[in-house]
Amino acid sequence: MITCQKCRALLEPRTRLCPYCGTDQRHHRAPSETEDAERTTLFGLWILGLIVGIYFLTVALDPAAGDPGTRRFEPSGVSLDMFGAARPSLVEDCGQTWRLLASMFLHADLVHLAFNSIALFLLIPIAAGAFGVHRTVCLYFASGLCGAILSHMWRVYTMHPVALAHAAGSVGASGAMCGLIGACAVYGRRRGGAFGEALMRRMILWAALIGVYGLVFSARIDNLGHLGGFLGGAALGFFAASARARGGRTDRAWTFAARATVVASIVLAAVFWAPFVLRIFERRDVELYRLQAERTLRAVAESLQTAKVEALPDRFPDGPRGTDEVRDAVREALAAARAKGSGASAALGRATEALAEWSASLYCTHCLR
């Protein structure tokens, strides 16, 4: 049962108009527990279905599938870049800021996907029980963006420009996950009592375990993304943890913000992400040419170490428009390796540098037109 916010009469949970005073209950009450549970389940399934579905798309449509450096059920760095990894050079030089949002739905491997999926499966109901599903939606997206922005800005201002140009893009829902942890910890602290203290301790333990794991595997973990998500979630959770005003303006404001966030995400995906991915697959020949150049240069490097030229390809083909410099550099390195000349190592270095420079701007020059 619920109570009418005007005359305080007892009503059924889904009553629209109070039979006693005629007040519209949709705008004067918070969702019932049943409604919140249904919305929480829907939001959780939507998020999990989206990240799992996109992961298998990045695997199935990976142009580098079958390459010696790739694994069977894991997307390559090429595929992640194609689907929106937050590579600093693309965000900064190409203005693809939408990658900061898209990267929240990408994952590097099955372990990464499984860990985040299980954590979100457990966390979303906890957060929704504390804040309501609308505030949880806002917390999820806002903290994920905070993590992506902090990680990106730190790399932009601390890395050498050359290293930044070749830095891999960060991916994962870990920032949003840590944001929910931070928000729930703040909620437990503000609520107090046995339940609040237990929730806060549990969330702090989760955060500590993630922090230790990130320090142990720091080479593969975006710790700044975790930290940014946790701080962003905790800050926003401080305001979201206020008593849920049943029928007040605050509750309606969070509802509006949650719906606006979802709509804005769909619009961004339709306007920026989807056309970008489609353009990439229209120019898949460019990406395949880059992979062929990388394989050829690896073969050249191996031949210089072993002094054997039998494994070298006979020739390096012409490529799509705009690849002349890379083609000439790779052909020069291939010819020098076959001739076993003294300048083979220098030619390989020039070809590697030319390929790296072209690759860094690949998605600007070929996929934004």
Protein backbone atom coordinates (compact mmCIF):
# COMPACT_ATOMS: atom_id res chain seq x y z
CA MET A 1 0.00 0.00 0.00
CA ILE A 2 1.03 3.62 -0.54
CA THR A 3 -0.30 6.87 0.85
CA CYS A 4 -1.65 9.81 -1.10
CA GLN A 5 0.84 12.65 -0.75
CA LYS A 6 -1.95 15.19 -0.36
CA CYS A 7 -4.66 13.63 1.81
CA ARG A 8 -2.59 10.67 3.18
CA ALA A 9 -5.26 8.11 2.29
CA LEU A 10 -4.13 4.48 1.82
CA LEU A 11 -4.08 3.48 -1.86
CA GLU A 12 -3.09 0.51 -4.00
CA PRO A 13 0.49 0.76 -5.37
CA ARG A 14 -0.53 1.43 -9.00
CA THR A 15 -3.36 3.86 -8.24
CA ARG A 16 -3.26 6.78 -10.68
CA LEU A 17 -5.81 9.15 -9.19
CA CYS A 18 -6.66 9.33 -5.50
CA PRO A 19 -10.39 8.53 -5.21
CA TYR A 20 -10.66 10.85 -2.20
CA CYS A 21 -8.94 14.05 -3.36
CA GLY A 22 -8.33 13.41 -7.07
CA THR A 23 -4.54 13.96 -6.90
CA ASP A 24 -2.51 12.40 -9.74
CA GLN A 25 -0.22 9.98 -7.91
CA ARG A 26 2.24 9.58 -10.81
CA HIS A 27 3.69 13.00 -10.04
CA HIS A 28 3.30 12.89 -6.26
CA ARG A 29 4.98 9.69 -5.22
CA ALA A 30 8.19 7.76 -5.70
CA PRO A 31 7.98 4.38 -7.43
CA SER A 32 6.78 1.49 -5.33
CA GLU A 33 9.21 -1.27 -4.43
CA THR A 34 7.67 -3.50 -7.08
CA GLU A 35 8.07 -0.86 -9.78
CA ASP A 36 11.65 -0.16 -8.73
CA ALA A 37 12.49 -3.87 -8.78
CA GLU A 38 11.09 -4.20 -12.30
CA ARG A 39 12.99 -1.16 -13.53
CA THR A 40 16.18 -2.32 -11.85
CA THR A 41 15.95 -5.70 -13.54
CA LEU A 42 15.31 -4.03 -16.89
CA PHE A 43 18.23 -1.62 -16.51
CA GLY A 44 20.59 -4.39 -15.38
CA LEU A 45 19.63 -6.65 -18.27
CA TRP A 46 19.94 -3.77 -20.70
CA ILE A 47 23.47 -2.90 -19.55
CA LEU A 48 24.68 -6.51 -19.37
CA GLY A 49 23.10 -7.41 -22.70
CA LEU A 50 24.69 -4.38 -24.32
CA ILE A 51 28.25 -4.96 -23.12
CA VAL A 52 28.12 -8.71 -23.82
CA GLY A 53 26.59 -8.18 -27.26
CA ILE A 54 29.12 -5.51 -28.23
CA TYR A 55 31.97 -7.69 -27.00
CA PHE A 56 31.03 -10.54 -29.31
CA LEU A 57 30.58 -8.06 -32.15
CA THR A 58 34.14 -6.85 -31.66
CA VAL A 59 35.29 -10.48 -31.84
CA ALA A 60 33.13 -11.54 -34.79
CA LEU A 61 33.94 -8.46 -36.90
CA ASP A 62 37.61 -8.21 -35.97
CA PRO A 63 39.59 -7.60 -39.19
CA ALA A 64 42.72 -8.94 -37.48
CA ALA A 65 41.11 -12.32 -36.72
CA GLY A 66 43.56 -15.09 -37.51
CA ASP A 67 46.57 -12.81 -37.20
CA PRO A 68 49.45 -14.44 -35.24
CA GLY A 69 49.18 -11.84 -32.47
CA THR A 70 45.47 -12.31 -31.78
CA ARG A 71 43.52 -14.82 -29.69
CA ARG A 72 40.45 -16.63 -30.88
CA PHE A 73 37.78 -15.20 -28.58
CA GLU A 74 39.37 -11.84 -27.82
CA PRO A 75 39.19 -8.65 -29.90
CA SER A 76 42.42 -7.18 -31.18
CA GLY A 77 43.47 -3.61 -30.51
CA VAL A 78 42.46 -2.86 -34.08
CA SER A 79 38.90 -4.02 -33.44
CA LEU A 80 38.65 -2.06 -30.18
CA ASP A 81 39.81 1.11 -31.94
CA MET A 82 37.22 0.53 -34.62
CA PHE A 83 34.42 0.20 -32.08
CA GLY A 84 35.34 3.22 -29.97
CA ALA A 85 38.23 2.62 -27.54
CA ALA A 86 39.32 5.90 -25.92
CA ARG A 87 42.67 6.17 -27.67
CA PRO A 88 44.13 9.59 -26.64
CA SER A 89 45.34 10.54 -30.12
CA LEU A 90 41.89 9.99 -31.63
CA VAL A 91 40.10 11.88 -28.87
CA GLU A 92 42.52 14.82 -28.95
CA ASP A 93 43.62 15.11 -32.58
CA CYS A 94 40.44 13.91 -34.28
CA GLY A 95 37.89 15.38 -31.88
CA GLN A 96 36.24 12.00 -31.27
CA THR A 97 35.17 12.80 -27.71
CA TRP A 98 32.27 10.34 -28.05
CA ARG A 99 34.88 7.62 -27.47
CA LEU A 100 34.90 8.50 -23.77
CA LEU A 101 31.33 7.19 -23.59
CA ALA A 102 31.67 4.35 -26.12
CA SER A 103 34.69 2.89 -24.31
CA MET A 104 32.45 2.12 -21.30
CA PHE A 105 30.79 -0.64 -23.33
CA LEU A 106 33.97 -2.33 -24.66
CA HIS A 107 36.12 -5.01 -23.03
CA ALA A 108 39.58 -6.31 -23.80
CA ASP A 109 39.10 -10.02 -23.14
CA LEU A 110 36.76 -12.63 -21.68
CA VAL A 111 38.17 -12.30 -18.15
CA HIS A 112 37.66 -8.54 -18.25
CA LEU A 113 34.10 -8.98 -19.52
CA ALA A 114 33.22 -11.69 -16.99
CA PHE A 115 34.60 -9.76 -14.01
CA ASN A 116 32.74 -6.56 -14.86
CA SER A 117 29.52 -8.38 -15.76
CA ILE A 118 29.42 -10.29 -12.47
CA ALA A 119 30.25 -7.17 -10.47
CA LEU A 120 27.51 -5.16 -12.20
CA PHE A 121 25.03 -8.00 -11.74
CA LEU A 122 25.65 -7.76 -7.99
CA LEU A 123 26.03 -3.98 -7.70
CA ILE A 124 23.12 -2.62 -9.73
CA PRO A 125 20.41 -4.09 -7.41
CA ILE A 126 22.31 -2.83 -4.35
CA ALA A 127 22.62 0.67 -5.79
CA ALA A 128 18.99 0.69 -6.96
CA GLY A 129 17.83 -0.39 -3.52
CA ALA A 130 19.75 2.50 -1.99
CA PHE A 131 19.03 5.26 -4.50
CA GLY A 132 16.22 4.10 -6.73
CA VAL A 133 16.77 3.05 -10.30
CA HIS A 134 16.68 6.55 -11.82
CA ARG A 135 19.49 7.82 -9.62
CA THR A 136 21.40 4.61 -10.29
CA VAL A 137 21.21 5.24 -14.04
CA CYS A 138 22.67 8.72 -13.53
CA LEU A 139 25.36 7.38 -11.21
CA TYR A 140 26.34 4.67 -13.69
CA PHE A 141 26.84 6.93 -16.69
CA ALA A 142 28.30 9.90 -14.79
CA SER A 143 30.88 7.87 -12.88
CA GLY A 144 31.87 5.95 -16.02
CA LEU A 145 32.50 9.24 -17.80
CA CYS A 146 34.45 10.59 -14.80
CA GLY A 147 36.73 7.56 -14.96
CA ALA A 148 37.27 7.87 -18.71
CA ILE A 149 37.92 11.62 -18.50
CA LEU A 150 40.42 11.37 -15.61
CA SER A 151 42.32 8.55 -17.33
CA HIS A 152 42.40 10.46 -20.61
CA MET A 153 43.46 13.80 -19.14
CA TRP A 154 46.20 12.22 -17.03
CA ARG A 155 47.73 10.61 -20.10
CA VAL A 156 47.42 13.79 -22.16
CA TYR A 157 49.25 15.91 -19.58
CA THR A 158 51.87 13.39 -18.38
CA MET A 159 52.89 11.31 -21.42
CA HIS A 160 55.47 12.29 -24.02
CA PRO A 161 53.79 13.34 -27.29
CA VAL A 162 55.35 10.42 -29.19
CA ALA A 163 54.22 7.89 -26.58
CA LEU A 164 50.79 9.53 -26.44
CA ALA A 165 50.36 9.17 -30.21
CA HIS A 166 50.83 5.41 -29.94
CA ALA A 167 49.08 4.85 -26.60
CA ALA A 168 46.35 2.21 -26.67
CA GLY A 169 42.78 3.19 -25.95
CA SER A 170 41.27 2.40 -22.56
CA VAL A 171 38.10 0.29 -22.43
CA GLY A 172 35.75 -1.23 -19.88
CA ALA A 173 32.80 -0.64 -17.58
CA SER A 174 35.13 -0.66 -14.57
CA GLY A 175 34.87 3.10 -14.03
CA ALA A 176 31.08 2.91 -13.81
CA MET A 177 31.36 -0.15 -11.57
CA CYS A 178 33.73 1.65 -9.20
CA GLY A 179 31.39 4.64 -9.27
CA LEU A 180 28.53 2.50 -7.98
CA ILE A 181 30.84 1.16 -5.27
CA GLY A 182 31.80 4.68 -4.20
CA ALA A 183 28.18 5.86 -4.21
CA CYS A 184 26.98 2.89 -2.14
CA ALA A 185 29.81 3.45 0.35
CA VAL A 186 28.70 7.07 0.79
CA TYR A 187 25.08 5.99 1.13
CA GLY A 188 26.03 3.51 3.87
CA ARG A 189 28.02 6.18 5.69
CA ARG A 190 25.17 8.69 5.56
CA ARG A 191 22.51 6.17 6.50
CA GLY A 192 24.41 4.82 9.50
CA GLY A 193 23.11 2.08 11.73
CA ALA A 194 23.98 -1.59 11.43
CA PHE A 195 22.82 -1.83 7.82
CA GLY A 196 24.61 1.31 6.70
CA GLU A 197 27.86 0.41 8.43
CA ALA A 198 27.80 -3.11 6.97
CA LEU A 199 27.16 -1.75 3.46
CA MET A 200 29.95 0.80 3.77
CA ARG A 201 32.45 -1.81 4.97
CA ARG A 202 31.49 -4.17 2.15
CA MET A 203 31.92 -1.46 -0.49
CA ILE A 204 35.26 -0.34 0.94
CA LEU A 205 36.43 -3.97 0.87
CA TRP A 206 35.41 -4.26 -2.78
CA ALA A 207 37.24 -1.03 -3.60
CA ALA A 208 40.36 -2.24 -1.77
CA LEU A 209 40.36 -5.55 -3.63
CA ILE A 210 40.03 -3.77 -6.98
CA GLY A 211 42.85 -1.41 -5.99
CA VAL A 212 45.17 -4.27 -5.02
CA TYR A 213 44.33 -6.15 -8.22
CA GLY A 214 45.06 -3.01 -10.23
CA LEU A 215 48.44 -2.55 -8.56
CA VAL A 216 49.44 -6.18 -9.15
CA PHE A 217 48.41 -6.08 -12.82
CA SER A 218 49.10 -2.39 -13.37
CA ALA A 219 50.36 -2.94 -16.93
CA ARG A 220 46.90 -4.01 -18.09
CA ILE A 221 44.59 -2.18 -15.66
CA ASP A 222 43.46 1.42 -16.01
CA ASN A 223 43.81 2.37 -12.35
CA LEU A 224 43.08 6.03 -13.03
CA GLY A 225 39.83 5.04 -14.70
CA HIS A 226 38.90 3.12 -11.53
CA LEU A 227 39.91 6.04 -9.31
CA GLY A 228 38.04 8.60 -11.39
CA GLY A 229 34.91 6.46 -11.41
CA PHE A 230 35.07 5.90 -7.64
CA LEU A 231 35.56 9.60 -6.85
CA GLY A 232 32.88 10.68 -9.31
CA GLY A 233 30.41 8.12 -7.98
CA ALA A 234 31.15 9.05 -4.37
CA ALA A 235 30.70 12.77 -5.06
CA LEU A 236 27.43 12.33 -6.93
CA GLY A 237 26.30 9.68 -4.44
CA PHE A 238 26.62 12.24 -1.63
CA PHE A 239 23.79 14.22 -3.21
CA ALA A 240 21.84 11.19 -4.41
CA ALA A 241 21.97 9.67 -0.92
CA SER A 242 19.67 12.30 0.50
CA ALA A 243 16.29 10.99 1.63
CA ARG A 244 14.22 10.11 -1.42
CA ALA A 245 11.55 12.76 -1.57
CA ARG A 246 8.33 10.96 -2.32
CA GLY A 247 6.62 13.22 -4.80
CA GLY A 248 9.10 16.07 -4.34
CA ARG A 249 10.83 18.03 -7.06
CA THR A 250 14.14 16.31 -6.32
CA ASP A 251 12.77 12.89 -7.16
CA ARG A 252 11.25 14.14 -10.39
CA ALA A 253 14.51 15.89 -11.31
CA TRP A 254 16.46 12.62 -10.98
CA THR A 255 13.85 10.85 -13.08
CA PHE A 256 14.17 13.48 -15.79
CA ALA A 257 17.99 13.33 -15.66
CA ALA A 258 17.99 9.54 -15.99
CA ARG A 259 15.70 9.59 -19.00
CA ALA A 260 17.66 12.43 -20.59
CA THR A 261 20.90 10.49 -20.07
CA VAL A 262 19.56 7.39 -21.79
CA VAL A 263 18.13 9.42 -24.68
CA ALA A 264 21.38 11.39 -25.08
CA SER A 265 23.38 8.14 -25.16
CA ILE A 266 21.13 6.72 -27.87
CA VAL A 267 21.42 9.94 -29.90
CA LEU A 268 25.22 9.96 -29.60
CA ALA A 269 25.36 6.34 -30.68
CA ALA A 270 23.14 7.04 -33.69
CA VAL A 271 24.87 10.26 -34.75
CA PHE A 272 28.55 9.46 -34.08
CA TRP A 273 29.27 5.85 -33.14
CA ALA A 274 27.16 3.91 -35.65
CA PRO A 275 28.14 6.00 -38.73
CA PHE A 276 31.81 5.79 -37.71
CA VAL A 277 31.72 2.00 -37.42
CA LEU A 278 29.90 1.70 -40.74
CA ARG A 279 32.48 3.92 -42.47
CA ILE A 280 35.26 1.78 -41.06
CA PHE A 281 33.83 -1.38 -42.54
CA GLU A 282 33.34 0.41 -45.83
CA ARG A 283 37.09 1.13 -45.75
CA ARG A 284 38.06 -2.24 -44.34
CA ASP A 285 40.60 -2.59 -47.15
CA VAL A 286 42.60 0.22 -45.52
CA GLU A 287 42.71 -1.61 -42.20
CA LEU A 288 43.65 -4.90 -43.87
CA TYR A 289 46.44 -3.12 -45.73
CA ARG A 290 47.80 -1.80 -42.43
CA LEU A 291 47.78 -5.31 -40.97
CA GLN A 292 49.59 -6.62 -44.05
CA ALA A 293 52.24 -3.92 -43.63
CA GLU A 294 52.70 -4.86 -39.98
CA ARG A 295 53.10 -8.56 -40.85
CA THR A 296 55.61 -7.70 -43.58
CA LEU A 297 57.72 -5.57 -41.25
CA ARG A 298 57.66 -8.32 -38.61
CA ALA A 299 58.96 -10.73 -41.23
CA VAL A 300 61.70 -8.25 -42.15
CA ALA A 301 62.72 -7.87 -38.50
CA GLU A 302 62.88 -11.65 -38.06
CA SER A 303 64.98 -12.04 -41.21
CA LEU A 304 67.50 -9.49 -39.90
CA GLN A 305 67.85 -11.51 -36.70
CA THR A 306 68.13 -14.93 -38.35
CA ALA A 307 69.85 -13.86 -41.59
CA LYS A 308 67.28 -15.92 -43.53
CA VAL A 309 65.27 -14.39 -46.34
CA GLU A 310 63.20 -17.43 -47.35
CA ALA A 311 60.25 -16.37 -45.17
CA LEU A 312 60.07 -12.88 -46.69
CA PRO A 313 57.12 -12.17 -49.02
CA ASP A 314 57.95 -11.78 -52.70
CA ARG A 315 56.53 -8.28 -52.91
CA PHE A 316 54.45 -5.74 -51.06
CA PRO A 317 51.35 -4.69 -53.03
CA ASP A 318 49.96 -1.28 -53.87
CA GLY A 319 47.42 -0.08 -51.34
CA PRO A 320 44.34 2.14 -51.22
CA ARG A 321 44.61 5.84 -51.88
CA GLY A 322 46.72 7.70 -49.35
CA THR A 323 49.11 4.83 -48.57
CA ASP A 324 51.92 5.74 -50.97
CA GLU A 325 54.41 6.77 -48.28
CA VAL A 326 53.84 3.60 -46.27
CA ARG A 327 54.02 1.42 -49.39
CA ASP A 328 57.36 2.92 -50.50
CA ALA A 329 58.89 2.65 -47.02
CA VAL A 330 57.85 -1.00 -46.59
CA ARG A 331 59.10 -1.89 -50.07
CA GLU A 332 62.44 -0.23 -49.31
CA ALA A 333 62.81 -2.22 -46.09
CA LEU A 334 61.82 -5.44 -47.86
CA ALA A 335 64.35 -4.89 -50.66
CA ALA A 336 67.12 -4.02 -48.19
CA ALA A 337 66.43 -7.15 -46.15
CA ARG A 338 66.53 -9.34 -49.28
CA ALA A 339 69.82 -7.75 -50.34
CA LYS A 340 71.22 -8.15 -46.81
CA GLY A 341 72.66 -4.66 -47.09
CA SER A 342 74.10 -2.64 -44.25
CA GLY A 343 71.20 -0.19 -44.37
CA ALA A 344 68.50 -2.79 -43.80
CA SER A 345 68.05 -1.92 -40.13
CA ALA A 346 67.77 1.78 -40.90
CA ALA A 347 65.24 1.09 -43.65
CA LEU A 348 63.22 -1.03 -41.25
CA GLY A 349 63.23 1.80 -38.72
CA ARG A 350 62.03 4.31 -41.30
CA ALA A 351 59.27 1.99 -42.47
CA THR A 352 58.15 1.30 -38.90
CA GLU A 353 58.03 5.02 -38.15
CA ALA A 354 56.09 5.78 -41.35
CA LEU A 355 53.58 3.05 -40.57
CA ALA A 356 53.17 4.26 -36.98
CA GLU A 357 52.53 7.85 -38.08
CA TRP A 358 50.00 6.76 -40.68
CA SER A 359 48.29 4.37 -38.26
CA ALA A 360 47.96 7.07 -35.59
CA SER A 361 45.88 9.24 -37.93
CA LEU A 362 44.19 6.38 -39.81
CA TYR A 363 40.71 6.91 -38.38
CA CYS A 364 40.89 10.64 -38.97
CA THR A 365 42.00 10.62 -42.58
CA HIS A 366 40.04 7.61 -43.81
CA CYS A 367 37.00 7.13 -41.61
CA LEU A 368 35.60 10.59 -40.93
CA ARG A 369 34.80 11.44 -44.54
